């Protein structure tokens, strides 16, 4: 007998909380950065908020304790659940596609224990 849908456990992944209206280009580049490092990323749309707060909430929701927040204005924050809520591992405001991709790689590298770039 297979498990019921509600009994299934989410696979380990970095969680990305994004506000409504978060730029699709930012979401695409962050996702690509994590994928380049071989770490799965699960996107979840949530009510509006600042990138740092979204990132911290995402880290708390992640089985890997690492999260990314993307606000409606395109700001990005990479967070770990054990860090203080107002102290992300990385914050990017007014970034470029390379910055957003680096944020995804940074989140993945926090999970894998590789040096941050």
N, C-alpha and C. Protein backbone atom coordinates (compact mmCIF):
# COMPACT_ATOMS: atom_id res chain seq x y z
N UNK A 1 0.85 -1.17 0.00
CA UNK A 1 0.00 0.00 0.00
C UNK A 1 0.89 1.24 0.00
N UNK A 2 0.65 2.16 -0.91
CA UNK A 2 1.47 3.36 -0.99
C UNK A 2 1.00 4.40 0.03
N UNK A 3 1.92 5.26 0.47
CA UNK A 3 1.53 6.26 1.46
C UNK A 3 0.54 7.26 0.87
N UNK A 4 -0.32 7.77 1.74
CA UNK A 4 -1.26 8.81 1.32
C UNK A 4 -0.49 10.08 1.00
N UNK A 5 -1.06 10.88 0.12
CA UNK A 5 -0.40 12.11 -0.31
C UNK A 5 0.01 12.98 0.89
N UNK A 6 -0.86 13.11 1.87
CA UNK A 6 -0.55 13.97 3.02
C UNK A 6 0.50 13.36 3.94
N UNK A 7 0.80 12.05 3.78
CA UNK A 7 1.81 11.40 4.59
C UNK A 7 3.20 11.47 3.96
N UNK A 8 3.28 11.90 2.71
CA UNK A 8 4.58 11.97 2.03
C UNK A 8 5.43 13.08 2.64
N UNK A 9 6.70 12.80 2.71
CA UNK A 9 7.65 13.76 3.27
C UNK A 9 8.33 14.49 2.12
N UNK A 10 8.44 15.82 2.26
CA UNK A 10 9.15 16.60 1.25
C UNK A 10 10.60 16.18 1.22
N UNK A 11 11.18 16.03 0.03
CA UNK A 11 12.61 15.70 -0.03
C UNK A 11 13.44 16.87 0.47
N UNK A 12 14.64 16.62 0.97
CA UNK A 12 15.50 17.71 1.44
C UNK A 12 15.79 18.68 0.29
N UNK A 13 15.66 19.96 0.58
CA UNK A 13 15.92 20.99 -0.42
C UNK A 13 16.12 22.31 0.28
N UNK A 14 16.84 23.20 -0.39
CA UNK A 14 16.88 24.59 0.03
C UNK A 14 15.51 25.15 -0.33
N UNK A 15 14.89 25.88 0.56
CA UNK A 15 13.58 26.46 0.32
C UNK A 15 13.76 27.92 -0.07
N UNK A 16 13.06 28.34 -1.11
CA UNK A 16 13.08 29.74 -1.54
C UNK A 16 11.68 30.30 -1.37
N UNK A 17 11.52 31.24 -0.45
CA UNK A 17 10.25 31.95 -0.28
C UNK A 17 10.32 33.21 -1.12
N UNK A 18 9.32 33.41 -1.97
CA UNK A 18 9.29 34.62 -2.78
C UNK A 18 7.96 35.32 -2.65
N UNK A 19 8.05 36.64 -2.65
CA UNK A 19 6.87 37.48 -2.55
C UNK A 19 6.13 37.48 -3.88
N UNK A 20 4.82 37.75 -3.85
CA UNK A 20 4.11 37.92 -5.12
C UNK A 20 4.78 39.05 -5.91
N UNK A 21 4.95 38.85 -7.17
CA UNK A 21 5.58 39.88 -7.99
C UNK A 21 7.09 39.84 -7.99
N UNK A 22 7.70 38.87 -7.31
CA UNK A 22 9.17 38.76 -7.35
C UNK A 22 9.57 38.54 -8.81
N UNK A 23 10.60 39.23 -9.27
CA UNK A 23 10.99 39.13 -10.67
C UNK A 23 11.36 37.70 -11.07
N UNK A 24 10.79 37.24 -12.16
CA UNK A 24 11.05 35.88 -12.62
C UNK A 24 12.52 35.68 -12.98
N UNK A 25 13.19 36.73 -13.46
CA UNK A 25 14.62 36.61 -13.80
C UNK A 25 15.44 36.31 -12.55
N UNK A 26 15.09 36.92 -11.42
CA UNK A 26 15.80 36.67 -10.17
C UNK A 26 15.57 35.23 -9.73
N UNK A 27 14.32 34.78 -9.75
CA UNK A 27 14.01 33.41 -9.35
C UNK A 27 14.74 32.41 -10.25
N UNK A 28 14.78 32.67 -11.53
CA UNK A 28 15.45 31.77 -12.49
C UNK A 28 16.95 31.67 -12.20
N UNK A 29 17.60 32.81 -11.95
CA UNK A 29 19.05 32.81 -11.73
C UNK A 29 19.42 32.18 -10.38
N UNK A 30 18.65 32.46 -9.34
CA UNK A 30 18.91 31.82 -8.04
C UNK A 30 18.76 30.31 -8.17
N UNK A 31 17.71 29.87 -8.85
CA UNK A 31 17.49 28.44 -9.06
C UNK A 31 18.64 27.81 -9.83
N UNK A 32 19.10 28.50 -10.87
CA UNK A 32 20.20 27.98 -11.69
C UNK A 32 21.48 27.86 -10.87
N UNK A 33 21.74 28.83 -9.99
CA UNK A 33 22.93 28.77 -9.15
C UNK A 33 22.93 27.57 -8.22
N UNK A 34 21.79 27.29 -7.60
CA UNK A 34 21.70 26.12 -6.72
C UNK A 34 21.83 24.83 -7.53
N UNK A 35 21.20 24.81 -8.70
CA UNK A 35 21.27 23.63 -9.56
C UNK A 35 22.70 23.34 -10.00
N UNK A 36 23.47 24.38 -10.30
CA UNK A 36 24.87 24.20 -10.70
C UNK A 36 25.68 23.48 -9.63
N UNK A 37 25.30 23.65 -8.37
CA UNK A 37 26.00 23.00 -7.27
C UNK A 37 25.37 21.65 -6.90
N UNK A 38 24.31 21.26 -7.60
CA UNK A 38 23.70 19.96 -7.38
C UNK A 38 22.79 19.88 -6.16
N UNK A 39 22.29 21.01 -5.70
CA UNK A 39 21.41 21.02 -4.53
C UNK A 39 20.01 21.42 -4.98
N UNK A 40 19.00 20.62 -4.64
CA UNK A 40 17.63 20.96 -5.06
C UNK A 40 17.12 22.21 -4.35
N UNK A 41 16.28 22.94 -5.05
CA UNK A 41 15.68 24.17 -4.54
C UNK A 41 14.18 24.07 -4.74
N UNK A 42 13.42 24.35 -3.69
CA UNK A 42 11.95 24.31 -3.77
C UNK A 42 11.42 25.72 -3.60
N UNK A 43 10.73 26.23 -4.64
CA UNK A 43 10.16 27.57 -4.60
C UNK A 43 8.79 27.55 -3.96
N UNK A 44 8.53 28.56 -3.14
CA UNK A 44 7.24 28.67 -2.48
C UNK A 44 6.83 30.13 -2.43
N UNK A 45 5.69 30.44 -3.03
CA UNK A 45 5.16 31.81 -2.99
C UNK A 45 4.52 32.03 -1.63
N UNK A 46 4.85 33.15 -1.02
CA UNK A 46 4.34 33.50 0.31
C UNK A 46 3.85 34.95 0.29
N UNK A 47 3.17 35.39 1.32
CA UNK A 47 2.78 36.80 1.37
C UNK A 47 4.01 37.71 1.32
N UNK A 48 3.80 38.93 0.93
CA UNK A 48 4.88 39.89 0.75
C UNK A 48 5.72 40.05 2.01
N UNK A 49 6.97 40.38 1.82
CA UNK A 49 7.87 40.62 2.93
C UNK A 49 9.23 41.02 2.44
N UNK A 50 10.08 41.41 3.37
CA UNK A 50 11.46 41.77 3.04
C UNK A 50 12.26 40.50 2.79
N UNK A 51 13.27 40.60 1.95
CA UNK A 51 14.06 39.44 1.56
C UNK A 51 14.68 38.73 2.77
N UNK A 52 15.20 39.49 3.71
CA UNK A 52 15.86 38.88 4.88
C UNK A 52 14.85 38.08 5.70
N UNK A 53 13.67 38.65 5.95
CA UNK A 53 12.65 37.93 6.72
C UNK A 53 12.16 36.71 5.96
N UNK A 54 11.98 36.84 4.65
CA UNK A 54 11.55 35.70 3.84
C UNK A 54 12.60 34.59 3.86
N UNK A 55 13.88 34.99 3.76
CA UNK A 55 14.96 34.01 3.78
C UNK A 55 15.05 33.26 5.09
N UNK A 56 14.87 33.98 6.19
CA UNK A 56 14.93 33.32 7.50
C UNK A 56 13.76 32.34 7.67
N UNK A 57 12.57 32.76 7.25
CA UNK A 57 11.41 31.86 7.33
C UNK A 57 11.62 30.64 6.44
N UNK A 58 12.20 30.84 5.26
CA UNK A 58 12.47 29.72 4.35
C UNK A 58 13.47 28.75 4.97
N UNK A 59 14.50 29.28 5.63
CA UNK A 59 15.50 28.42 6.28
C UNK A 59 14.85 27.58 7.38
N UNK A 60 13.93 28.17 8.12
CA UNK A 60 13.23 27.42 9.16
C UNK A 60 12.33 26.34 8.56
N UNK A 61 11.83 26.57 7.33
CA UNK A 61 10.96 25.59 6.66
C UNK A 61 11.74 24.49 5.94
N UNK A 62 13.04 24.69 5.75
CA UNK A 62 13.86 23.75 4.99
C UNK A 62 14.39 22.64 5.89
N UNK A 63 14.32 21.40 5.41
CA UNK A 63 14.92 20.28 6.15
C UNK A 63 16.43 20.41 6.19
N UNK A 64 17.00 21.22 5.29
CA UNK A 64 18.44 21.45 5.26
C UNK A 64 18.84 22.69 6.06
N UNK A 65 17.88 23.40 6.62
CA UNK A 65 18.09 24.61 7.43
C UNK A 65 18.66 25.78 6.65
N UNK A 66 18.54 25.76 5.33
CA UNK A 66 19.03 26.85 4.49
C UNK A 66 17.88 27.34 3.63
N UNK A 67 17.73 28.67 3.59
CA UNK A 67 16.64 29.24 2.81
C UNK A 67 17.09 30.49 2.08
N UNK A 68 16.29 30.84 1.08
CA UNK A 68 16.51 32.05 0.30
C UNK A 68 15.21 32.82 0.29
N UNK A 69 15.31 34.14 0.42
CA UNK A 69 14.14 35.00 0.31
C UNK A 69 14.32 35.96 -0.85
N UNK A 70 13.27 36.14 -1.63
CA UNK A 70 13.27 37.10 -2.73
C UNK A 70 12.04 37.99 -2.56
N UNK A 71 12.29 39.28 -2.41
CA UNK A 71 11.20 40.23 -2.23
C UNK A 71 10.66 40.68 -3.57
N UNK A 72 9.54 41.40 -3.54
CA UNK A 72 8.91 41.88 -4.77
C UNK A 72 9.82 42.82 -5.56
N UNK A 73 10.73 43.52 -4.87
CA UNK A 73 11.63 44.44 -5.57
C UNK A 73 12.91 43.76 -6.07
N UNK A 74 13.01 42.43 -5.91
CA UNK A 74 14.14 41.68 -6.42
C UNK A 74 15.32 41.55 -5.49
N UNK A 75 15.20 42.04 -4.26
CA UNK A 75 16.26 41.83 -3.28
C UNK A 75 16.30 40.34 -2.91
N UNK A 76 17.50 39.84 -2.62
CA UNK A 76 17.70 38.42 -2.33
C UNK A 76 18.47 38.29 -1.02
N UNK A 77 18.08 37.32 -0.18
CA UNK A 77 18.82 37.04 1.04
C UNK A 77 18.94 35.53 1.20
N UNK A 78 20.16 35.07 1.49
CA UNK A 78 20.43 33.67 1.80
C UNK A 78 20.57 33.58 3.31
N UNK A 79 19.87 32.62 3.91
CA UNK A 79 19.84 32.55 5.38
C UNK A 79 20.02 31.12 5.85
N UNK A 80 20.48 30.98 7.07
CA UNK A 80 20.55 29.69 7.76
C UNK A 80 19.67 29.80 9.00
N UNK A 81 19.00 28.72 9.33
CA UNK A 81 18.05 28.74 10.44
C UNK A 81 18.70 29.08 11.77
N UNK A 82 20.00 28.82 11.93
CA UNK A 82 20.66 29.09 13.21
C UNK A 82 21.23 30.50 13.31
N UNK A 83 21.18 31.24 12.23
CA UNK A 83 21.66 32.62 12.28
C UNK A 83 20.58 33.51 12.87
N UNK A 84 20.97 34.63 13.50
CA UNK A 84 19.95 35.59 13.96
C UNK A 84 19.10 36.04 12.78
N UNK A 85 17.83 36.27 13.03
CA UNK A 85 16.88 36.59 11.97
C UNK A 85 17.30 37.78 11.11
N UNK A 86 18.00 38.73 11.69
CA UNK A 86 18.39 39.93 10.95
C UNK A 86 19.81 39.87 10.38
N UNK A 87 20.45 38.68 10.41
CA UNK A 87 21.84 38.53 9.96
C UNK A 87 21.96 37.42 8.91
N UNK A 88 21.55 37.66 7.67
CA UNK A 88 21.65 36.62 6.65
C UNK A 88 23.10 36.31 6.29
N UNK A 89 23.32 35.16 5.70
CA UNK A 89 24.66 34.79 5.23
C UNK A 89 25.06 35.65 4.04
N UNK A 90 24.07 36.07 3.25
CA UNK A 90 24.32 36.91 2.07
C UNK A 90 23.07 37.72 1.79
N UNK A 91 23.24 38.98 1.47
CA UNK A 91 22.11 39.83 1.05
C UNK A 91 22.52 40.58 -0.22
N UNK A 92 21.62 40.60 -1.19
CA UNK A 92 21.88 41.27 -2.47
C UNK A 92 20.72 42.22 -2.76
N UNK A 93 21.06 43.49 -2.90
CA UNK A 93 20.08 44.51 -3.30
C UNK A 93 20.56 45.10 -4.61
N UNK A 94 19.64 45.39 -5.50
CA UNK A 94 20.00 45.97 -6.80
C UNK A 94 21.06 45.13 -7.50
N UNK A 95 20.88 43.82 -7.49
CA UNK A 95 21.87 42.92 -8.05
C UNK A 95 21.75 42.73 -9.55
N UNK A 96 22.71 42.02 -10.07
CA UNK A 96 22.75 41.64 -11.48
C UNK A 96 22.45 40.15 -11.58
N UNK A 97 22.22 39.64 -12.77
CA UNK A 97 22.02 38.19 -12.91
C UNK A 97 23.16 37.37 -12.30
N UNK A 98 24.38 37.83 -12.42
CA UNK A 98 25.52 37.12 -11.81
C UNK A 98 25.40 37.11 -10.29
N UNK A 99 24.94 38.20 -9.69
CA UNK A 99 24.75 38.26 -8.24
C UNK A 99 23.67 37.29 -7.78
N UNK A 100 22.58 37.23 -8.53
CA UNK A 100 21.47 36.34 -8.17
C UNK A 100 21.89 34.88 -8.28
N UNK A 101 22.64 34.56 -9.32
CA UNK A 101 23.13 33.19 -9.50
C UNK A 101 24.10 32.84 -8.37
N UNK A 102 24.95 33.80 -7.98
CA UNK A 102 25.89 33.58 -6.87
C UNK A 102 25.12 33.30 -5.58
N UNK A 103 23.97 33.97 -5.39
CA UNK A 103 23.16 33.72 -4.20
C UNK A 103 22.68 32.27 -4.17
N UNK A 104 22.25 31.75 -5.30
CA UNK A 104 21.84 30.34 -5.37
C UNK A 104 22.99 29.40 -5.08
N UNK A 105 24.16 29.71 -5.65
CA UNK A 105 25.35 28.89 -5.38
C UNK A 105 25.74 28.97 -3.91
N UNK A 106 25.64 30.16 -3.32
CA UNK A 106 25.99 30.32 -1.91
C UNK A 106 25.08 29.48 -1.04
N UNK A 107 23.78 29.50 -1.30
CA UNK A 107 22.84 28.69 -0.52
C UNK A 107 23.21 27.21 -0.62
N UNK A 108 23.52 26.76 -1.83
CA UNK A 108 23.90 25.36 -2.02
C UNK A 108 25.20 25.03 -1.31
N UNK A 109 26.15 25.94 -1.34
CA UNK A 109 27.45 25.69 -0.70
C UNK A 109 27.34 25.69 0.83
N UNK A 110 26.41 26.43 1.38
CA UNK A 110 26.18 26.36 2.83
C UNK A 110 25.73 24.95 3.18
N UNK A 111 24.88 24.37 2.35
CA UNK A 111 24.38 23.01 2.59
C UNK A 111 25.52 22.00 2.47
N UNK A 112 26.31 22.11 1.42
CA UNK A 112 27.34 21.10 1.16
C UNK A 112 28.62 21.30 1.94
N UNK A 113 28.78 22.46 2.55
CA UNK A 113 29.98 22.73 3.33
C UNK A 113 31.17 23.16 2.48
N UNK A 114 30.93 23.49 1.22
CA UNK A 114 32.01 23.98 0.36
C UNK A 114 32.29 25.44 0.66
N UNK A 115 33.52 25.89 0.38
CA UNK A 115 33.83 27.31 0.60
C UNK A 115 32.91 28.22 -0.21
N UNK A 116 32.53 29.33 0.37
CA UNK A 116 31.67 30.28 -0.32
C UNK A 116 32.50 31.09 -1.31
N UNK A 117 31.88 31.44 -2.42
CA UNK A 117 32.59 32.23 -3.43
C UNK A 117 32.17 33.66 -3.36
